[in-house]
Amino acid sequence: MSHPARTCGVAALVTILAVAALAVAPMDPWTMREAKALAMSPEPSPTERTDVEPAPYVEPSFAEWMQKAREGNLEAQCNVGVCYVNGQGVPRDYAEGLAWLYTSANSGFPHAQFVLGLMYGQGFGSTPSDPFRSWFWSSLAAASTDLPPSETQQAEKLRDAAEDILSLAELDRAQAMARDWWAGRVAGPR
């Protein structure tokens, strides 16, 4: 299957070349019809193989995620944190999971921010419910344009629920911390 933008780009390039050729040398009517037909026909990408099925996605192993996480990959750090929290591929370790999630979230990975907001909003395992931390991380996640709409909406609900619990002074402090985090002046709350 051709990518629409790629097809349009090829057609536009062929059209431009055909028009340029017309400007340089006169063509007989048959050649002009052929050039127009070629310009309008969707050409597959030369690297596209229509006779081969794409390989199925294989989830990386925990060891592969861990290697990427240690190299600083934010998505991998988030996934390693989730693996530890859920006990997937490793023994469950909430403290280690939170540490990896925090590293990823504090570096700006929206999904890790969302997961921390969720964990602190509901309390999970040995992680107690904490409206301040839930508001902070959920508000960062809700402000992201990189999350799927369903997660953005859930982050907004978590933020709003935490806001209902916080005192005005706590909310002011959380908002100030979020502003300072965006400005790069402080790290998020652990």
N, C-alpha and C. Protein backbone atom coordinates (compact mmCIF):
# COMPACT_ATOMS: atom_id res chain seq x y z
N MET A 1 0.85 -1.18 0.00
CA MET A 1 0.00 0.00 0.00
C MET A 1 0.89 1.23 0.00
N SER A 2 0.57 2.18 -0.84
CA SER A 2 1.34 3.42 -0.91
C SER A 2 0.92 4.37 0.18
N HIS A 3 1.87 5.12 0.64
CA HIS A 3 1.59 6.17 1.60
C HIS A 3 1.04 7.35 0.80
N PRO A 4 -0.15 7.92 1.17
CA PRO A 4 -0.77 8.99 0.37
C PRO A 4 0.16 10.17 0.13
N ALA A 5 0.86 10.63 1.15
CA ALA A 5 1.73 11.80 0.98
C ALA A 5 2.87 11.47 0.02
N ARG A 6 3.39 10.24 0.11
CA ARG A 6 4.48 9.83 -0.76
C ARG A 6 3.97 9.78 -2.20
N THR A 7 2.77 9.24 -2.42
CA THR A 7 2.20 9.14 -3.75
C THR A 7 1.97 10.52 -4.34
N CYS A 8 1.42 11.43 -3.55
CA CYS A 8 1.19 12.79 -4.02
C CYS A 8 2.51 13.46 -4.37
N GLY A 9 3.53 13.24 -3.56
CA GLY A 9 4.83 13.83 -3.81
C GLY A 9 5.44 13.31 -5.10
N VAL A 10 5.30 12.00 -5.36
CA VAL A 10 5.81 11.42 -6.59
C VAL A 10 5.05 11.98 -7.77
N ALA A 11 3.72 12.04 -7.66
CA ALA A 11 2.90 12.57 -8.76
C ALA A 11 3.26 14.02 -9.05
N ALA A 12 3.45 14.82 -8.01
CA ALA A 12 3.80 16.22 -8.19
C ALA A 12 5.16 16.36 -8.86
N LEU A 13 6.11 15.53 -8.46
CA LEU A 13 7.45 15.58 -9.04
C LEU A 13 7.40 15.19 -10.51
N VAL A 14 6.64 14.13 -10.83
CA VAL A 14 6.52 13.70 -12.22
C VAL A 14 5.85 14.78 -13.04
N THR A 15 4.81 15.42 -12.48
CA THR A 15 4.12 16.50 -13.19
C THR A 15 5.08 17.66 -13.45
N ILE A 16 5.85 18.03 -12.46
CA ILE A 16 6.81 19.13 -12.62
C ILE A 16 7.83 18.78 -13.69
N LEU A 17 8.32 17.55 -13.66
CA LEU A 17 9.29 17.13 -14.67
C LEU A 17 8.67 17.12 -16.06
N ALA A 18 7.41 16.68 -16.16
CA ALA A 18 6.73 16.66 -17.46
C ALA A 18 6.53 18.08 -17.99
N VAL A 19 6.14 19.00 -17.14
CA VAL A 19 5.95 20.39 -17.55
C VAL A 19 7.29 21.00 -17.95
N ALA A 20 8.32 20.71 -17.20
CA ALA A 20 9.66 21.23 -17.53
C ALA A 20 10.10 20.69 -18.88
N ALA A 21 9.82 19.43 -19.14
CA ALA A 21 10.20 18.84 -20.43
C ALA A 21 9.44 19.52 -21.56
N LEU A 22 8.16 19.84 -21.33
CA LEU A 22 7.38 20.53 -22.34
C LEU A 22 7.97 21.90 -22.67
N ALA A 23 8.46 22.57 -21.65
CA ALA A 23 9.02 23.90 -21.84
C ALA A 23 10.31 23.85 -22.65
N VAL A 24 11.04 22.76 -22.51
CA VAL A 24 12.33 22.65 -23.18
C VAL A 24 12.18 22.20 -24.63
N ALA A 25 11.37 21.17 -24.85
CA ALA A 25 11.23 20.64 -26.21
C ALA A 25 9.78 20.28 -26.47
N PRO A 26 9.29 20.57 -27.65
CA PRO A 26 7.90 20.21 -27.97
C PRO A 26 7.75 18.71 -28.04
N MET A 27 6.59 18.20 -27.56
CA MET A 27 6.31 16.77 -27.58
C MET A 27 5.15 16.51 -28.51
N ASP A 28 5.13 15.31 -29.07
CA ASP A 28 3.96 14.97 -29.87
C ASP A 28 2.81 14.66 -28.91
N PRO A 29 1.56 14.71 -29.36
CA PRO A 29 0.40 14.53 -28.49
C PRO A 29 0.41 13.21 -27.72
N TRP A 30 0.90 12.11 -28.32
CA TRP A 30 0.92 10.83 -27.63
C TRP A 30 1.84 10.88 -26.42
N THR A 31 3.02 11.47 -26.54
CA THR A 31 3.97 11.58 -25.45
C THR A 31 3.41 12.45 -24.33
N MET A 32 2.69 13.51 -24.69
CA MET A 32 2.09 14.38 -23.68
C MET A 32 1.03 13.62 -22.89
N ARG A 33 0.18 12.81 -23.59
CA ARG A 33 -0.84 12.02 -22.89
C ARG A 33 -0.18 11.01 -21.96
N GLU A 34 0.90 10.40 -22.42
CA GLU A 34 1.61 9.41 -21.62
C GLU A 34 2.22 10.06 -20.37
N ALA A 35 2.77 11.25 -20.53
CA ALA A 35 3.37 11.97 -19.39
C ALA A 35 2.30 12.33 -18.37
N LYS A 36 1.12 12.80 -18.86
CA LYS A 36 0.03 13.13 -17.95
C LYS A 36 -0.47 11.89 -17.23
N ALA A 37 -0.62 10.79 -17.94
CA ALA A 37 -1.09 9.54 -17.33
C ALA A 37 -0.11 9.06 -16.27
N LEU A 38 1.16 9.16 -16.58
CA LEU A 38 2.18 8.75 -15.62
C LEU A 38 2.15 9.63 -14.38
N ALA A 39 1.94 10.94 -14.58
CA ALA A 39 1.89 11.87 -13.45
C ALA A 39 0.69 11.60 -12.56
N MET A 40 -0.41 11.14 -13.13
CA MET A 40 -1.63 10.92 -12.35
C MET A 40 -1.71 9.52 -11.77
N SER A 41 -0.91 8.59 -12.22
CA SER A 41 -1.01 7.23 -11.69
C SER A 41 -0.20 7.11 -10.41
N PRO A 42 -0.79 6.49 -9.38
CA PRO A 42 -0.05 6.33 -8.12
C PRO A 42 1.04 5.27 -8.28
N GLU A 43 2.24 5.70 -8.10
CA GLU A 43 3.37 4.78 -8.18
C GLU A 43 3.74 4.30 -6.78
N PRO A 44 3.92 2.99 -6.62
CA PRO A 44 4.36 2.52 -5.30
C PRO A 44 5.79 2.97 -5.03
N SER A 45 6.09 3.08 -3.78
CA SER A 45 7.44 3.43 -3.38
C SER A 45 8.39 2.33 -3.84
N PRO A 46 9.58 2.67 -4.32
CA PRO A 46 10.50 1.64 -4.77
C PRO A 46 10.94 0.71 -3.64
N THR A 47 10.85 1.17 -2.39
CA THR A 47 11.25 0.31 -1.26
C THR A 47 10.08 -0.47 -0.69
N GLU A 48 8.87 -0.22 -1.19
CA GLU A 48 7.69 -0.88 -0.65
C GLU A 48 7.53 -2.26 -1.28
N ARG A 49 7.37 -3.27 -0.43
CA ARG A 49 7.19 -4.65 -0.91
C ARG A 49 5.75 -5.04 -0.67
N THR A 50 4.99 -5.18 -1.74
CA THR A 50 3.58 -5.56 -1.60
C THR A 50 3.41 -7.07 -1.49
N ASP A 51 4.45 -7.82 -1.78
CA ASP A 51 4.35 -9.28 -1.76
C ASP A 51 4.78 -9.88 -0.42
N VAL A 52 5.16 -9.05 0.55
CA VAL A 52 5.64 -9.53 1.84
C VAL A 52 4.81 -8.92 2.96
N GLU A 53 4.32 -9.76 3.86
CA GLU A 53 3.59 -9.27 5.03
C GLU A 53 4.57 -8.61 6.00
N PRO A 54 4.18 -7.49 6.63
CA PRO A 54 5.07 -6.89 7.62
C PRO A 54 5.23 -7.83 8.82
N ALA A 55 6.40 -7.78 9.41
CA ALA A 55 6.67 -8.63 10.57
C ALA A 55 5.81 -8.18 11.74
N PRO A 56 5.28 -9.13 12.51
CA PRO A 56 4.46 -8.74 13.67
C PRO A 56 5.34 -8.07 14.73
N TYR A 57 4.71 -7.18 15.48
CA TYR A 57 5.44 -6.48 16.54
C TYR A 57 5.73 -7.47 17.67
N VAL A 58 6.96 -7.49 18.11
CA VAL A 58 7.36 -8.34 19.22
C VAL A 58 7.80 -7.42 20.35
N GLU A 59 7.11 -7.52 21.48
CA GLU A 59 7.44 -6.69 22.65
C GLU A 59 8.86 -7.03 23.12
N PRO A 60 9.69 -6.02 23.32
CA PRO A 60 11.04 -6.29 23.83
C PRO A 60 10.98 -6.96 25.21
N SER A 61 11.98 -7.74 25.50
CA SER A 61 12.05 -8.40 26.81
C SER A 61 12.41 -7.36 27.87
N PHE A 62 12.24 -7.76 29.14
CA PHE A 62 12.60 -6.86 30.22
C PHE A 62 14.08 -6.47 30.12
N ALA A 63 14.95 -7.44 29.80
CA ALA A 63 16.38 -7.15 29.70
C ALA A 63 16.66 -6.11 28.61
N GLU A 64 15.93 -6.20 27.49
CA GLU A 64 16.11 -5.21 26.42
C GLU A 64 15.62 -3.83 26.85
N TRP A 65 14.46 -3.79 27.54
CA TRP A 65 13.97 -2.51 28.06
C TRP A 65 14.97 -1.92 29.05
N MET A 66 15.50 -2.78 29.93
CA MET A 66 16.44 -2.30 30.96
C MET A 66 17.70 -1.72 30.32
N GLN A 67 18.21 -2.37 29.29
CA GLN A 67 19.39 -1.84 28.61
C GLN A 67 19.11 -0.46 28.04
N LYS A 68 17.96 -0.31 27.38
CA LYS A 68 17.59 1.00 26.82
C LYS A 68 17.37 2.03 27.92
N ALA A 69 16.77 1.59 29.04
CA ALA A 69 16.51 2.51 30.16
C ALA A 69 17.82 3.05 30.73
N ARG A 70 18.79 2.17 30.88
CA ARG A 70 20.10 2.60 31.41
C ARG A 70 20.81 3.55 30.45
N GLU A 71 20.47 3.45 29.15
CA GLU A 71 21.06 4.34 28.15
C GLU A 71 20.34 5.68 28.10
N GLY A 72 19.27 5.83 28.90
CA GLY A 72 18.56 7.11 28.99
C GLY A 72 17.29 7.20 28.17
N ASN A 73 16.82 6.11 27.57
CA ASN A 73 15.59 6.12 26.78
C ASN A 73 14.40 6.29 27.74
N LEU A 74 13.65 7.39 27.59
CA LEU A 74 12.56 7.71 28.53
C LEU A 74 11.42 6.70 28.47
N GLU A 75 11.06 6.25 27.27
CA GLU A 75 10.01 5.24 27.15
C GLU A 75 10.43 3.96 27.84
N ALA A 76 11.67 3.56 27.66
CA ALA A 76 12.17 2.34 28.30
C ALA A 76 12.18 2.49 29.82
N GLN A 77 12.57 3.67 30.31
CA GLN A 77 12.56 3.90 31.76
C GLN A 77 11.15 3.75 32.31
N CYS A 78 10.18 4.29 31.59
CA CYS A 78 8.78 4.16 32.00
C CYS A 78 8.36 2.69 32.00
N ASN A 79 8.69 1.97 30.93
CA ASN A 79 8.31 0.56 30.84
C ASN A 79 8.98 -0.29 31.90
N VAL A 80 10.22 -0.01 32.22
CA VAL A 80 10.91 -0.74 33.29
C VAL A 80 10.19 -0.47 34.62
N GLY A 81 9.81 0.78 34.86
CA GLY A 81 9.07 1.12 36.07
C GLY A 81 7.77 0.37 36.17
N VAL A 82 7.02 0.31 35.06
CA VAL A 82 5.74 -0.41 35.04
C VAL A 82 5.97 -1.90 35.27
N CYS A 83 7.03 -2.46 34.67
CA CYS A 83 7.35 -3.89 34.88
C CYS A 83 7.60 -4.18 36.35
N TYR A 84 8.37 -3.33 37.01
CA TYR A 84 8.65 -3.53 38.44
C TYR A 84 7.37 -3.40 39.27
N VAL A 85 6.56 -2.39 38.97
CA VAL A 85 5.33 -2.18 39.74
C VAL A 85 4.37 -3.36 39.58
N ASN A 86 4.28 -3.88 38.36
CA ASN A 86 3.35 -4.99 38.09
C ASN A 86 3.96 -6.37 38.26
N GLY A 87 5.28 -6.43 38.46
CA GLY A 87 5.93 -7.73 38.57
C GLY A 87 5.94 -8.47 37.24
N GLN A 88 6.13 -7.77 36.15
CA GLN A 88 6.17 -8.39 34.82
C GLN A 88 7.62 -8.62 34.41
N GLY A 89 8.02 -9.89 34.38
CA GLY A 89 9.38 -10.23 33.97
C GLY A 89 10.41 -10.07 35.07
N VAL A 90 10.01 -9.49 36.20
CA VAL A 90 10.89 -9.31 37.36
C VAL A 90 10.04 -9.43 38.61
N PRO A 91 10.66 -9.71 39.75
CA PRO A 91 9.87 -9.70 40.99
C PRO A 91 9.31 -8.30 41.25
N ARG A 92 8.09 -8.24 41.77
CA ARG A 92 7.45 -6.94 42.05
C ARG A 92 8.29 -6.16 43.06
N ASP A 93 8.55 -4.91 42.73
CA ASP A 93 9.33 -4.02 43.59
C ASP A 93 8.82 -2.60 43.38
N TYR A 94 7.91 -2.16 44.26
CA TYR A 94 7.28 -0.85 44.09
C TYR A 94 8.29 0.29 44.15
N ALA A 95 9.23 0.21 45.07
CA ALA A 95 10.21 1.29 45.22
C ALA A 95 11.05 1.44 43.96
N GLU A 96 11.51 0.33 43.41
CA GLU A 96 12.31 0.36 42.19
C GLU A 96 11.47 0.86 41.00
N GLY A 97 10.23 0.39 40.95
CA GLY A 97 9.32 0.83 39.88
C GLY A 97 9.07 2.32 39.94
N LEU A 98 8.80 2.83 41.14
CA LEU A 98 8.58 4.28 41.29
C LEU A 98 9.82 5.07 40.92
N ALA A 99 10.99 4.55 41.26
CA ALA A 99 12.24 5.26 40.94
C ALA A 99 12.40 5.40 39.43
N TRP A 100 12.14 4.32 38.68
CA TRP A 100 12.25 4.39 37.22
C TRP A 100 11.17 5.29 36.63
N LEU A 101 9.94 5.17 37.14
CA LEU A 101 8.86 6.03 36.65
C LEU A 101 9.18 7.50 36.91
N TYR A 102 9.69 7.78 38.10
CA TYR A 102 10.04 9.16 38.46
C TYR A 102 11.12 9.70 37.52
N THR A 103 12.14 8.89 37.24
CA THR A 103 13.22 9.33 36.35
C THR A 103 12.66 9.70 34.99
N SER A 104 11.80 8.86 34.46
CA SER A 104 11.19 9.11 33.15
C SER A 104 10.26 10.32 33.20
N ALA A 105 9.39 10.37 34.20
CA ALA A 105 8.41 11.46 34.32
C ALA A 105 9.10 12.80 34.53
N ASN A 106 10.09 12.82 35.37
CA ASN A 106 10.79 14.07 35.67
C ASN A 106 11.59 14.57 34.47
N SER A 107 11.92 13.65 33.56
CA SER A 107 12.61 14.04 32.32
C SER A 107 11.64 14.46 31.24
N GLY A 108 10.32 14.35 31.53
CA GLY A 108 9.33 14.87 30.60
C GLY A 108 8.53 13.84 29.82
N PHE A 109 8.64 12.54 30.14
CA PHE A 109 7.88 11.54 29.39
C PHE A 109 6.44 11.51 29.89
N PRO A 110 5.48 11.93 29.05
CA PRO A 110 4.09 12.10 29.49
C PRO A 110 3.42 10.83 30.02
N HIS A 111 3.72 9.68 29.43
CA HIS A 111 3.06 8.46 29.91
C HIS A 111 3.52 8.12 31.33
N ALA A 112 4.78 8.35 31.64
CA ALA A 112 5.27 8.12 33.01
C ALA A 112 4.61 9.11 33.97
N GLN A 113 4.42 10.34 33.53
CA GLN A 113 3.72 11.33 34.36
C GLN A 113 2.29 10.87 34.62
N PHE A 114 1.64 10.35 33.59
CA PHE A 114 0.28 9.84 33.73
C PHE A 114 0.23 8.68 34.72
N VAL A 115 1.16 7.74 34.60
CA VAL A 115 1.18 6.57 35.49
C VAL A 115 1.41 7.01 36.94
N LEU A 116 2.34 7.94 37.16
CA LEU A 116 2.56 8.44 38.53
C LEU A 116 1.32 9.13 39.06
N GLY A 117 0.67 9.95 38.24
CA GLY A 117 -0.57 10.61 38.66
C GLY A 117 -1.62 9.60 39.06
N LEU A 118 -1.72 8.52 38.28
CA LEU A 118 -2.68 7.45 38.56
C LEU A 118 -2.32 6.72 39.86
N MET A 119 -1.05 6.37 40.00
CA MET A 119 -0.63 5.64 41.22
C MET A 119 -0.84 6.48 42.47
N TYR A 120 -0.46 7.75 42.41
CA TYR A 120 -0.63 8.61 43.59
C TYR A 120 -2.09 8.99 43.80
N GLY A 121 -2.87 9.01 42.74
CA GLY A 121 -4.29 9.34 42.87
C GLY A 121 -5.09 8.23 43.53
N GLN A 122 -4.77 7.00 43.19
CA GLN A 122 -5.53 5.86 43.69
C GLN A 122 -4.82 5.11 44.81
N GLY A 123 -3.53 5.33 44.94
CA GLY A 123 -2.75 4.50 45.84
C GLY A 123 -2.59 3.14 45.16
N PHE A 124 -1.42 2.60 45.19
CA PHE A 124 -1.18 1.34 44.50
C PHE A 124 -0.09 0.59 45.22
N GLY A 125 -0.39 -0.63 45.64
CA GLY A 125 0.61 -1.43 46.36
C GLY A 125 1.07 -0.69 47.60
N SER A 126 2.37 -0.50 47.69
CA SER A 126 2.92 0.21 48.85
C SER A 126 2.95 1.72 48.63
N THR A 127 2.41 2.19 47.51
CA THR A 127 2.36 3.62 47.22
C THR A 127 1.07 4.20 47.78
N PRO A 128 1.15 5.03 48.80
CA PRO A 128 -0.09 5.59 49.37
C PRO A 128 -0.69 6.66 48.45
N SER A 129 -1.97 6.87 48.59
CA SER A 129 -2.63 7.94 47.87
C SER A 129 -2.05 9.27 48.35
N ASP A 130 -1.75 10.16 47.41
CA ASP A 130 -1.15 11.45 47.75
C ASP A 130 -1.71 12.49 46.78
N PRO A 131 -2.73 13.26 47.20
CA PRO A 131 -3.36 14.22 46.28
C PRO A 131 -2.40 15.26 45.71
N PHE A 132 -1.41 15.69 46.49
CA PHE A 132 -0.46 16.68 46.01
C PHE A 132 0.32 16.13 44.82
N ARG A 133 0.92 14.95 45.00
CA ARG A 133 1.70 14.33 43.92
C ARG A 133 0.79 13.95 42.74
N SER A 134 -0.41 13.48 43.05
CA SER A 134 -1.34 13.13 41.97
C SER A 134 -1.68 14.36 41.15
N TRP A 135 -1.97 15.49 41.81
CA TRP A 135 -2.28 16.71 41.07
C TRP A 135 -1.10 17.13 40.22
N PHE A 136 0.10 17.12 40.81
CA PHE A 136 1.29 17.56 40.09
C PHE A 136 1.51 16.75 38.82
N TRP A 137 1.63 15.43 38.96
CA TRP A 137 1.94 14.58 37.81
C TRP A 137 0.78 14.52 36.82
N SER A 138 -0.45 14.48 37.32
CA SER A 138 -1.61 14.44 36.41
C SER A 138 -1.74 15.73 35.62
N SER A 139 -1.43 16.87 36.24
CA SER A 139 -1.54 18.13 35.51
C SER A 139 -0.49 18.21 34.40
N LEU A 140 0.72 17.69 34.65
CA LEU A 140 1.73 17.68 33.60
C LEU A 140 1.29 16.76 32.46
N ALA A 141 0.77 15.59 32.82
CA ALA A 141 0.31 14.64 31.79
C ALA A 141 -0.85 15.23 31.00
N ALA A 142 -1.79 15.87 31.68
CA ALA A 142 -2.96 16.45 31.01
C ALA A 142 -2.55 17.57 30.05
N ALA A 143 -1.46 18.25 30.34
CA ALA A 143 -1.00 19.34 29.48
C ALA A 143 -0.24 18.84 28.25
N SER A 144 0.11 17.58 28.23
CA SER A 144 0.88 17.02 27.12
C SER A 144 0.00 16.83 25.88
N THR A 145 0.60 17.02 24.74
CA THR A 145 -0.09 16.72 23.48
C THR A 145 0.33 15.36 22.94
N ASP A 146 1.16 14.63 23.68
CA ASP A 146 1.67 13.35 23.22
C ASP A 146 0.93 12.14 23.75
N LEU A 147 -0.06 12.34 24.59
CA LEU A 147 -0.83 11.22 25.13
C LEU A 147 -2.06 10.96 24.27
N PRO A 148 -2.52 9.72 24.24
CA PRO A 148 -3.80 9.46 23.56
C PRO A 148 -4.91 10.22 24.29
N PRO A 149 -5.96 10.60 23.58
CA PRO A 149 -7.05 11.37 24.20
C PRO A 149 -7.64 10.70 25.44
N SER A 150 -7.74 9.38 25.46
CA SER A 150 -8.31 8.71 26.62
C SER A 150 -7.45 8.91 27.87
N GLU A 151 -6.12 8.88 27.71
CA GLU A 151 -5.23 9.10 28.85
C GLU A 151 -5.24 10.56 29.27
N THR A 152 -5.32 11.46 28.30
CA THR A 152 -5.40 12.89 28.62
C THR A 152 -6.64 13.17 29.45
N GLN A 153 -7.77 12.60 29.04
CA GLN A 153 -9.03 12.80 29.78
C GLN A 153 -8.94 12.19 31.17
N GLN A 154 -8.33 11.02 31.29
CA GLN A 154 -8.19 10.40 32.61
C GLN A 154 -7.25 11.24 33.49
N ALA A 155 -6.19 11.78 32.90
CA ALA A 155 -5.27 12.64 33.66
C ALA A 155 -6.00 13.88 34.16
N GLU A 156 -6.86 14.45 33.31
CA GLU A 156 -7.64 15.62 33.73
C GLU A 156 -8.56 15.28 34.89
N LYS A 157 -9.19 14.10 34.83
CA LYS A 157 -10.08 13.68 35.92
C LYS A 157 -9.29 13.45 37.21
N LEU A 158 -8.11 12.85 37.10
CA LEU A 158 -7.27 12.65 38.29
C LEU A 158 -6.84 13.99 38.88
N ARG A 159 -6.44 14.91 38.02
CA ARG A 159 -6.04 16.25 38.48
C ARG A 159 -7.19 16.94 39.19
N ASP A 160 -8.38 16.88 38.58
CA ASP A 160 -9.55 17.54 39.17
C ASP A 160 -9.95 16.90 40.49
N ALA A 161 -9.85 15.56 40.57
CA ALA A 161 -10.18 14.88 41.83
C ALA A 161 -9.20 15.26 42.93
N ALA A 162 -7.92 15.35 42.59
CA ALA A 162 -6.92 15.76 43.58
C ALA A 162 -7.15 17.21 44.00
N GLU A 163 -7.52 18.04 43.05
CA GLU A 163 -7.76 19.46 43.34
C GLU A 163 -8.90 19.62 44.35
N ASP A 164 -9.91 18.75 44.27
CA ASP A 164 -11.04 18.81 45.20
C ASP A 164 -10.61 18.46 46.63
N ILE A 165 -9.55 17.70 46.77
CA ILE A 165 -9.08 17.25 48.09
C ILE A 165 -8.10 18.24 48.70
N LEU A 166 -7.28 18.87 47.87
CA LEU A 166 -6.23 19.76 48.37
C LEU A 166 -6.81 21.04 48.97
N SER A 167 -6.13 21.53 50.00
CA SER A 167 -6.49 22.84 50.53
C SER A 167 -6.02 23.89 49.53
N LEU A 168 -6.49 25.09 49.67
CA LEU A 168 -6.09 26.17 48.77
C LEU A 168 -4.58 26.40 48.83
N ALA A 169 -4.00 26.34 50.02
CA ALA A 169 -2.56 26.54 50.17
C ALA A 169 -1.78 25.41 49.49
N GLU A 170 -2.26 24.15 49.64
CA GLU A 170 -1.59 23.02 49.00
C GLU A 170 -1.69 23.12 47.47
N LEU A 171 -2.85 23.53 46.99
CA LEU A 171 -3.04 23.68 45.55
C LEU A 171 -2.13 24.78 45.00
N ASP A 172 -2.04 25.89 45.71
CA ASP A 172 -1.13 26.98 45.30
C ASP A 172 0.31 26.47 45.23
N ARG A 173 0.70 25.70 46.23
CA ARG A 173 2.07 25.14 46.26
C ARG A 173 2.29 24.18 45.09
N ALA A 174 1.30 23.33 44.79
CA ALA A 174 1.42 22.38 43.68
C ALA A 174 1.50 23.12 42.35
N GLN A 175 0.69 24.16 42.20
CA GLN A 175 0.71 24.94 40.95
C GLN A 175 2.04 25.67 40.78
N ALA A 176 2.56 26.22 41.87
CA ALA A 176 3.86 26.91 41.80
C ALA A 176 4.96 25.92 41.45
N MET A 177 4.89 24.72 42.02
CA MET A 177 5.90 23.71 41.72
C MET A 177 5.81 23.29 40.25
N ALA A 178 4.60 23.15 39.74
CA ALA A 178 4.43 22.77 38.33
C ALA A 178 4.99 23.86 37.41
N ARG A 179 4.74 25.13 37.74
CA ARG A 179 5.30 26.23 36.94
C ARG A 179 6.83 26.19 36.97
N ASP A 180 7.39 25.95 38.18
CA ASP A 180 8.84 25.89 38.31
C ASP A 180 9.41 24.68 37.57
N TRP A 181 8.67 23.57 37.57
CA TRP A 181 9.12 22.37 36.84
C TRP A 181 9.18 22.69 35.35
N TRP A 182 8.10 23.31 34.81
CA TRP A 182 8.08 23.65 33.38
C TRP A 182 9.23 24.59 33.03
N ALA A 183 9.58 25.48 33.96
CA ALA A 183 10.67 26.43 33.72
C ALA A 183 12.05 25.79 33.92
N GLY A 184 12.07 24.54 34.40
CA GLY A 184 13.33 23.85 34.61
C GLY A 184 14.04 24.20 35.90
N ARG A 185 13.31 24.79 36.84
CA ARG A 185 13.94 25.23 38.09
C ARG A 185 13.90 24.18 39.20
N VAL A 186 12.95 23.25 39.13
CA VAL A 186 12.84 22.25 40.19
C VAL A 186 12.52 20.88 39.60
N ALA A 187 12.80 19.87 40.40
CA ALA A 187 12.40 18.50 40.05
C ALA A 187 11.01 18.26 40.63
N GLY A 188 10.31 17.30 40.07
CA GLY A 188 8.98 16.96 40.56
C GLY A 188 9.05 16.28 41.92
N PRO A 189 7.93 16.22 42.63
CA PRO A 189 7.93 15.61 43.96
C PRO A 189 8.07 14.10 43.86
N ARG A 190 8.92 13.53 44.72
CA ARG A 190 9.09 12.07 44.78
C ARG A 190 8.04 11.48 45.66
